């Protein structure tokens, strides 16, 4: 079940790429004591999970139990009495940004990943959600800054990319700036006589260039802050 939340799909990555597949799940009839014994022998990455998932014999997701609540419960209680329905589930093909937005919307540390028959196929842990949020933030900032194309759906890391990759990304914009500067020089040429009569006017050219650059930079910073908030 997925709620329709407004989103910006900038990446083609899905939740399947980030989810943890091997989990220790419980059964409704298991007692807390028995499941904790099973959990001690579990090889799944428990440090990344804050919830325990309850399934039937066919791995159909039935409910979720908070790990802290489980540890505080009576050892004789059954997991079926402690579990609650999952607030939201996602599919393996769910876009990663949508998955992260759902986690934020429902205030969840982890997200359960199920197939169309509601079989539990994995979990999106906290670390993966934070990684997705960071990568999406970088992509959004680069898109606002003018990067419109991505390589295989992922924006390049400008700090680690090769020099030639960065040169190819910047050359078109540098050429546009150069052509703009040449055009401005031709415009100024038409006012050569006026500049000869009033030399002081020439000093306003650098000032205008500075003001245009300052306005552009400040507008970009303002927009990024506004977009980020």
C-alpha atoms as a PDB file:
ATOM      1  CA  UNK A   1       0.000   0.000   0.000  1.00  0.00           C
ATOM      2  CA  UNK A   2       1.469   3.303  -1.051  1.00  0.00           C
ATOM      3  CA  UNK A   3       0.069   6.763  -0.507  1.00  0.00           C
ATOM      4  CA  UNK A   4       0.181   9.242  -3.390  1.00  0.00           C
ATOM      5  CA  UNK A   5       2.755  11.787  -2.259  1.00  0.00           C
ATOM      6  CA  UNK A   6       4.040  14.563  -4.474  1.00  0.00           C
ATOM      7  CA  UNK A   7       7.571  13.771  -5.586  1.00  0.00           C
ATOM      8  CA  UNK A   8      10.315  14.618  -8.081  1.00  0.00           C
ATOM      9  CA  UNK A   9      11.643  11.575  -9.902  1.00  0.00           C
ATOM     10  CA  UNK A  10      15.229  12.448 -10.793  1.00  0.00           C
ATOM     11  CA  UNK A  11      16.682   8.952 -10.490  1.00  0.00           C
ATOM     12  CA  UNK A  12      15.889   5.563 -11.976  1.00  0.00           C
ATOM     13  CA  UNK A  13      17.211   3.625  -8.947  1.00  0.00           C
ATOM     14  CA  UNK A  14      14.687   1.492  -7.075  1.00  0.00           C
ATOM     15  CA  UNK A  15      14.332   0.291  -3.485  1.00  0.00           C
ATOM     16  CA  UNK A  16      15.561  -3.176  -4.500  1.00  0.00           C
ATOM     17  CA  UNK A  17      19.111  -1.845  -4.878  1.00  0.00           C
ATOM     18  CA  UNK A  18      19.248  -0.668  -1.249  1.00  0.00           C
ATOM     19  CA  UNK A  19      17.218  -3.255   0.672  1.00  0.00           C
ATOM     20  CA  UNK A  20      18.479  -5.980   3.029  1.00  0.00           C
ATOM     21  CA  UNK A  21      17.299  -9.365   1.786  1.00  0.00           C
ATOM     22  CA  UNK A  22      18.270 -11.838   4.527  1.00  0.00           C
ATOM     23  CA  UNK A  23      16.078 -11.374   7.595  1.00  0.00           C
ATOM     24  CA  UNK A  24      15.200 -13.319  10.730  1.00  0.00           C
ATOM     25  CA  UNK A  25      11.427 -13.324  10.809  1.00  0.00           C
ATOM     26  CA  UNK A  26       9.095 -14.662  13.476  1.00  0.00           C
ATOM     27  CA  UNK A  27       5.806 -16.546  13.474  1.00  0.00           C
ATOM     28  CA  UNK A  28       2.656 -15.405  15.304  1.00  0.00           C
ATOM     29  CA  UNK A  29       2.740 -18.518  17.505  1.00  0.00           C
ATOM     30  CA  UNK A  30       6.375 -17.980  18.599  1.00  0.00           C
ATOM     31  CA  UNK A  31       6.940 -16.763  22.139  1.00  0.00           C
ATOM     32  CA  UNK A  32       9.227 -13.833  22.864  1.00  0.00           C
ATOM     33  CA  UNK A  33      11.711 -16.136  24.604  1.00  0.00           C
ATOM     34  CA  UNK A  34      11.870 -18.572  21.707  1.00  0.00           C
ATOM     35  CA  UNK A  35      12.270 -15.819  19.129  1.00  0.00           C
ATOM     36  CA  UNK A  36      15.079 -14.123  21.095  1.00  0.00           C
ATOM     37  CA  UNK A  37      16.953 -17.433  21.119  1.00  0.00           C
ATOM     38  CA  UNK A  38      16.497 -17.615  17.362  1.00  0.00           C
ATOM     39  CA  UNK A  39      17.578 -13.997  17.026  1.00  0.00           C
ATOM     40  CA  UNK A  40      20.904 -14.648  18.784  1.00  0.00           C
ATOM     41  CA  UNK A  41      21.763 -17.184  16.095  1.00  0.00           C
ATOM     42  CA  UNK A  42      20.609 -14.931  13.263  1.00  0.00           C
ATOM     43  CA  UNK A  43      23.197 -13.835  10.682  1.00  0.00           C
ATOM     44  CA  UNK A  44      21.200 -10.890   9.290  1.00  0.00           C
ATOM     45  CA  UNK A  45      22.552  -7.326   9.856  1.00  0.00           C
ATOM     46  CA  UNK A  46      20.596  -6.595  13.063  1.00  0.00           C
ATOM     47  CA  UNK A  47      22.453  -3.333  13.654  1.00  0.00           C
ATOM     48  CA  UNK A  48      20.559  -1.824  10.721  1.00  0.00           C
ATOM     49  CA  UNK A  49      17.071  -2.934  11.817  1.00  0.00           C
ATOM     50  CA  UNK A  50      14.778  -1.568  14.518  1.00  0.00           C
ATOM     51  CA  UNK A  51      11.714  -3.707  13.771  1.00  0.00           C
ATOM     52  CA  UNK A  52      10.947  -7.422  13.832  1.00  0.00           C
ATOM     53  CA  UNK A  53       8.825  -8.778  10.989  1.00  0.00           C
ATOM     54  CA  UNK A  54       6.204 -11.475  11.517  1.00  0.00           C
ATOM     55  CA  UNK A  55       5.292 -13.739   8.599  1.00  0.00           C
ATOM     56  CA  UNK A  56       3.356 -16.962   8.047  1.00  0.00           C
ATOM     57  CA  UNK A  57       4.801 -20.217   6.722  1.00  0.00           C
ATOM     58  CA  UNK A  58       4.636 -18.809   3.187  1.00  0.00           C
ATOM     59  CA  UNK A  59       6.600 -15.635   4.107  1.00  0.00           C
ATOM     60  CA  UNK A  60       3.505 -13.428   3.776  1.00  0.00           C
ATOM     61  CA  UNK A  61       3.988 -10.325   5.925  1.00  0.00           C
ATOM     62  CA  UNK A  62       1.492 -10.277   8.818  1.00  0.00           C
ATOM     63  CA  UNK A  63       2.803  -7.602  11.138  1.00  0.00           C
ATOM     64  CA  UNK A  64       5.681  -5.682  12.668  1.00  0.00           C
ATOM     65  CA  UNK A  65       7.017  -5.463  16.235  1.00  0.00           C
ATOM     66  CA  UNK A  66       9.289  -2.710  17.508  1.00  0.00           C
ATOM     67  CA  UNK A  67      12.544  -4.298  18.693  1.00  0.00           C
ATOM     68  CA  UNK A  68      12.588  -2.221  21.895  1.00  0.00           C
ATOM     69  CA  UNK A  69       9.017  -3.302  22.686  1.00  0.00           C
ATOM     70  CA  UNK A  70       9.949  -6.940  22.075  1.00  0.00           C
ATOM     71  CA  UNK A  71      12.863  -6.786  24.517  1.00  0.00           C
ATOM     72  CA  UNK A  72      10.628  -5.307  27.239  1.00  0.00           C
ATOM     73  CA  UNK A  73       7.813  -7.834  26.790  1.00  0.00           C
ATOM     74  CA  UNK A  74       7.016 -10.877  28.903  1.00  0.00           C
ATOM     75  CA  UNK A  75       9.082 -13.825  27.596  1.00  0.00           C
ATOM     76  CA  UNK A  76       5.961 -16.001  27.573  1.00  0.00           C
ATOM     77  CA  UNK A  77       3.914 -13.704  25.343  1.00  0.00           C
ATOM     78  CA  UNK A  78       3.342 -14.675  21.738  1.00  0.00           C
ATOM     79  CA  UNK A  79       4.499 -12.497  18.852  1.00  0.00           C
ATOM     80  CA  UNK A  80       1.008 -12.506  17.375  1.00  0.00           C
ATOM     81  CA  UNK A  81      -0.226 -10.573  20.428  1.00  0.00           C
ATOM     82  CA  UNK A  82       2.491  -7.942  20.123  1.00  0.00           C
ATOM     83  CA  UNK A  83       2.555  -7.303  16.386  1.00  0.00           C
ATOM     84  CA  UNK A  84       0.755  -4.514  14.577  1.00  0.00           C
ATOM     85  CA  UNK A  85       0.027  -4.088  10.851  1.00  0.00           C
ATOM     86  CA  UNK A  86       2.808  -2.279   8.946  1.00  0.00           C
ATOM     87  CA  UNK A  87       2.076   1.418   8.459  1.00  0.00           C
ATOM     88  CA  UNK A  88       3.170   1.206   4.838  1.00  0.00           C
ATOM     89  CA  UNK A  89       4.878  -1.260   2.526  1.00  0.00           C
ATOM     90  CA  UNK A  90       6.753  -0.730  -0.715  1.00  0.00           C
ATOM     91  CA  UNK A  91       7.550  -2.866  -3.736  1.00  0.00           C
ATOM     92  CA  UNK A  92      11.052  -3.738  -5.005  1.00  0.00           C
ATOM     93  CA  UNK A  93      10.485  -1.511  -8.080  1.00  0.00           C
ATOM     94  CA  UNK A  94       9.417   1.515  -5.984  1.00  0.00           C
ATOM     95  CA  UNK A  95      11.567   4.531  -6.807  1.00  0.00           C
ATOM     96  CA  UNK A  96      14.145   5.168  -4.115  1.00  0.00           C
ATOM     97  CA  UNK A  97      13.101   8.790  -3.567  1.00  0.00           C
ATOM     98  CA  UNK A  98       9.481   7.774  -3.116  1.00  0.00           C
ATOM     99  CA  UNK A  99      10.542   5.146  -0.575  1.00  0.00           C
ATOM    100  CA  UNK A 100      12.517   7.713   1.428  1.00  0.00           C
ATOM    101  CA  UNK A 101       9.612  10.171   1.314  1.00  0.00           C
ATOM    102  CA  UNK A 102       7.239   7.488   2.593  1.00  0.00           C
ATOM    103  CA  UNK A 103       9.602   6.743   5.493  1.00  0.00           C
ATOM    104  CA  UNK A 104       9.668  10.436   6.417  1.00  0.00           C
ATOM    105  CA  UNK A 105       5.903  10.832   5.982  1.00  0.00           C
ATOM    106  CA  UNK A 106       5.100   7.900   8.274  1.00  0.00           C
ATOM    107  CA  UNK A 107       8.050   8.604  10.624  1.00  0.00           C
ATOM    108  CA  UNK A 108       9.513   5.138  10.094  1.00  0.00           C
ATOM    109  CA  UNK A 109      13.080   3.949  10.672  1.00  0.00           C
ATOM    110  CA  UNK A 110      12.708   1.047   8.242  1.00  0.00           C
ATOM    111  CA  UNK A 111      10.416   0.062   5.374  1.00  0.00           C
ATOM    112  CA  UNK A 112       9.269  -3.464   4.562  1.00  0.00           C
ATOM    113  CA  UNK A 113       9.545  -4.489   0.907  1.00  0.00           C
ATOM    114  CA  UNK A 114       6.910  -6.935  -0.376  1.00  0.00           C
ATOM    115  CA  UNK A 115       5.931  -8.390  -3.726  1.00  0.00           C
ATOM    116  CA  UNK A 116       2.440  -8.251  -5.246  1.00  0.00           C
ATOM    117  CA  UNK A 117       1.346 -11.278  -3.146  1.00  0.00           C
ATOM    118  CA  UNK A 118       2.568  -9.487   0.018  1.00  0.00           C
ATOM    119  CA  UNK A 119       5.516 -11.837   0.502  1.00  0.00           C
ATOM    120  CA  UNK A 120       8.302 -10.174   2.495  1.00  0.00           C
ATOM    121  CA  UNK A 121      11.310  -9.950   0.149  1.00  0.00           C
ATOM    122  CA  UNK A 122      13.444  -7.466   2.081  1.00  0.00           C
ATOM    123  CA  UNK A 123      13.692  -4.408   4.289  1.00  0.00           C
ATOM    124  CA  UNK A 124      14.954  -0.892   3.582  1.00  0.00           C
ATOM    125  CA  UNK A 125      17.043  -0.106   6.702  1.00  0.00           C
ATOM    126  CA  UNK A 126      17.771   3.268   8.262  1.00  0.00           C
ATOM    127  CA  UNK A 127      21.257   3.543   6.736  1.00  0.00           C
ATOM    128  CA  UNK A 128      19.862   3.027   3.246  1.00  0.00           C
ATOM    129  CA  UNK A 129      17.125   5.620   3.768  1.00  0.00           C
ATOM    130  CA  UNK A 130      19.705   8.181   4.935  1.00  0.00           C
ATOM    131  CA  UNK A 131      21.950   7.341   1.969  1.00  0.00           C
ATOM    132  CA  UNK A 132      19.043   7.790  -0.453  1.00  0.00           C
ATOM    133  CA  UNK A 133      18.126  11.156   1.099  1.00  0.00           C
ATOM    134  CA  UNK A 134      21.732  12.344   0.790  1.00  0.00           C
ATOM    135  CA  UNK A 135      22.082  11.225  -2.820  1.00  0.00           C
ATOM    136  CA  UNK A 136      18.714  12.740  -3.790  1.00  0.00           C
ATOM    137  CA  UNK A 137      19.681  16.020  -2.131  1.00  0.00           C
ATOM    138  CA  UNK A 138      22.907  16.132  -4.146  1.00  0.00           C
ATOM    139  CA  UNK A 139      21.029  15.317  -7.368  1.00  0.00           C
ATOM    140  CA  UNK A 140      18.404  17.999  -6.715  1.00  0.00           C
ATOM    141  CA  UNK A 141      21.077  20.607  -5.976  1.00  0.00           C
ATOM    142  CA  UNK A 142      22.980  19.712  -9.159  1.00  0.00           C
ATOM    143  CA  UNK A 143      19.783  19.852 -11.204  1.00  0.00           C
ATOM    144  CA  UNK A 144      18.971  23.308  -9.831  1.00  0.00           C
ATOM    145  CA  UNK A 145      22.549  24.353 -10.644  1.00  0.00           C
ATOM    146  CA  UNK A 146      22.030  23.409 -14.288  1.00  0.00           C
ATOM    147  CA  UNK A 147      23.051  19.751 -14.626  1.00  0.00           C
ATOM    148  CA  UNK A 148      20.290  18.290 -16.800  1.00  0.00           C
ATOM    149  CA  UNK A 149      21.758  14.954 -17.855  1.00  0.00           C
ATOM    150  CA  UNK A 150      22.878  11.976 -15.849  1.00  0.00           C
ATOM    151  CA  UNK A 151      24.964   8.929 -16.695  1.00  0.00           C
ATOM    152  CA  UNK A 152      22.805   5.789 -16.396  1.00  0.00           C
ATOM    153  CA  UNK A 153      20.331   7.646 -14.191  1.00  0.00           C
ATOM    154  CA  UNK A 154      22.932   8.750 -11.629  1.00  0.00           C
ATOM    155  CA  UNK A 155      24.502  12.205 -11.476  1.00  0.00           C
ATOM    156  CA  UNK A 156      28.270  12.275 -11.535  1.00  0.00           C
ATOM    157  CA  UNK A 157      30.221  12.914  -8.338  1.00  0.00           C
ATOM    158  CA  UNK A 158      31.893  16.231  -9.138  1.00  0.00           C
ATOM    159  CA  UNK A 159      34.530  15.628  -6.463  1.00  0.00           C
ATOM    160  CA  UNK A 160      35.619  12.233  -7.813  1.00  0.00           C
ATOM    161  CA  UNK A 161      34.873  12.485 -11.533  1.00  0.00           C
ATOM    162  CA  UNK A 162      37.656  12.479 -14.128  1.00  0.00           C
ATOM    163  CA  UNK A 163      38.882  15.773 -15.515  1.00  0.00           C
ATOM    164  CA  UNK A 164      37.648  15.015 -19.029  1.00  0.00           C
ATOM    165  CA  UNK A 165      34.155  14.226 -17.715  1.00  0.00           C
ATOM    166  CA  UNK A 166      33.985  17.599 -15.950  1.00  0.00           C
ATOM    167  CA  UNK A 167      35.391  19.387 -19.018  1.00  0.00           C
ATOM    168  CA  UNK A 168      32.697  17.890 -21.269  1.00  0.00           C
ATOM    169  CA  UNK A 169      30.029  18.927 -18.784  1.00  0.00           C
ATOM    170  CA  UNK A 170      31.259  22.526 -18.590  1.00  0.00           C
ATOM    171  CA  UNK A 171      32.451  23.284 -22.141  1.00  0.00           C
ATOM    172  CA  UNK A 172      28.960  24.060 -23.566  1.00  0.00           C
ATOM    173  CA  UNK A 173      28.277  26.611 -20.836  1.00  0.00           C
ATOM    174  CA  UNK A 174      31.752  28.142 -21.155  1.00  0.00           C
ATOM    175  CA  UNK A 175      31.275  28.511 -24.914  1.00  0.00           C
ATOM    176  CA  UNK A 176      27.914  30.207 -24.348  1.00  0.00           C
ATOM    177  CA  UNK A 177      29.575  32.617 -21.925  1.00  0.00           C
ATOM    178  CA  UNK A 178      32.380  33.297 -24.391  1.00  0.00           C
ATOM    179  CA  UNK A 179      29.919  34.024 -27.214  1.00  0.00           C
ATOM    180  CA  UNK A 180      27.995  36.301 -24.879  1.00  0.00           C
ATOM    181  CA  UNK A 181      31.176  38.189 -24.039  1.00  0.00           C
ATOM    182  CA  UNK A 182      32.064  38.594 -27.728  1.00  0.00           C
ATOM    183  CA  UNK A 183      28.532  39.861 -28.405  1.00  0.00           C
ATOM    184  CA  UNK A 184      28.837  42.363 -25.567  1.00  0.00           C
ATOM    185  CA  UNK A 185      32.168  43.580 -26.987  1.00  0.00           C
ATOM    186  CA  UNK A 186      30.506  44.295 -30.350  1.00  0.00           C
ATOM    187  CA  UNK A 187      27.730  46.195 -28.577  1.00  0.00           C
ATOM    188  CA  UNK A 188      30.263  48.317 -26.691  1.00  0.00           C
ATOM    189  CA  UNK A 189      32.039  49.055 -29.990  1.00  0.00           C
ATOM    190  CA  UNK A 190      28.980  50.998 -31.196  1.00  0.00           C
ATOM    191  CA  UNK A 191      29.454  53.387 -28.265  1.00  0.00           C
ATOM    192  CA  UNK A 192      33.148  53.990 -28.912  1.00  0.00           C
ATOM    193  CA  UNK A 193      32.680  57.682 -29.670  1.00  0.00           C
ATOM    194  CA  UNK A 194      30.633  58.226 -26.503  1.00  0.00           C
ATOM    195  CA  UNK A 195      33.288  56.499 -24.435  1.00  0.00           C
ATOM    196  CA  UNK A 196      35.995  58.699 -25.959  1.00  0.00           C
ATOM    197  CA  UNK A 197      34.052  61.829 -25.021  1.00  0.00           C
ATOM    198  CA  UNK A 198      33.159  60.617 -21.519  1.00  0.00           C
ATOM    199  CA  UNK A 199      35.970  58.330 -20.319  1.00  0.00           C
ATOM    200  CA  UNK A 200      34.258  57.969 -16.947  1.00  0.00           C
ATOM    201  CA  UNK A 201      31.576  55.829 -18.609  1.00  0.00           C
ATOM    202  CA  UNK A 202      34.152  53.089 -19.221  1.00  0.00           C
ATOM    203  CA  UNK A 203      34.544  52.594 -15.483  1.00  0.00           C
ATOM    204  CA  UNK A 204      30.897  51.543 -15.225  1.00  0.00           C
ATOM    205  CA  UNK A 205      31.456  48.461 -17.444  1.00  0.00           C
ATOM    206  CA  UNK A 206      33.304  46.423 -14.748  1.00  0.00           C
ATOM    207  CA  UNK A 207      30.727  47.592 -12.205  1.00  0.00           C
ATOM    208  CA  UNK A 208      27.874  46.299 -14.362  1.00  0.00           C
ATOM    209  CA  UNK A 209      29.651  42.974 -14.874  1.00  0.00           C
ATOM    210  CA  UNK A 210      30.170  42.639 -11.132  1.00  0.00           C
ATOM    211  CA  UNK A 211      26.541  43.490 -10.354  1.00  0.00           C
ATOM    212  CA  UNK A 212      25.213  40.966 -12.882  1.00  0.00           C
ATOM    213  CA  UNK A 213      27.465  38.219 -11.445  1.00  0.00           C
ATOM    214  CA  UNK A 214      26.502  39.142  -7.873  1.00  0.00           C
ATOM    215  CA  UNK A 215      22.782  39.126  -8.663  1.00  0.00           C
ATOM    216  CA  UNK A 216      23.074  35.722 -10.362  1.00  0.00           C
ATOM    217  CA  UNK A 217      25.043  34.175  -7.490  1.00  0.00           C
ATOM    218  CA  UNK A 218      22.767  35.616  -4.806  1.00  0.00           C
ATOM    219  CA  UNK A 219      19.638  34.525  -6.686  1.00  0.00           C
ATOM    220  CA  UNK A 220      21.033  30.982  -6.994  1.00  0.00           C
ATOM    221  CA  UNK A 221      21.861  30.859  -3.263  1.00  0.00           C
ATOM    222  CA  UNK A 222      18.413  32.195  -2.345  1.00  0.00           C
ATOM    223  CA  UNK A 223      16.668  29.684  -4.594  1.00  0.00           C
ATOM    224  CA  UNK A 224      18.695  26.765  -3.227  1.00  0.00           C
ATOM    225  CA  UNK A 225      17.891  27.726   0.367  1.00  0.00           C
ATOM    226  CA  UNK A 226      14.226  28.184  -0.465  1.00  0.00           C
ATOM    227  CA  UNK A 227      14.119  24.870  -2.359  1.00  0.00           C
ATOM    228  CA  UNK A 228      15.945  23.061   0.432  1.00  0.00           C
ATOM    229  CA  UNK A 229      13.540  24.265   3.089  1.00  0.00           C
END
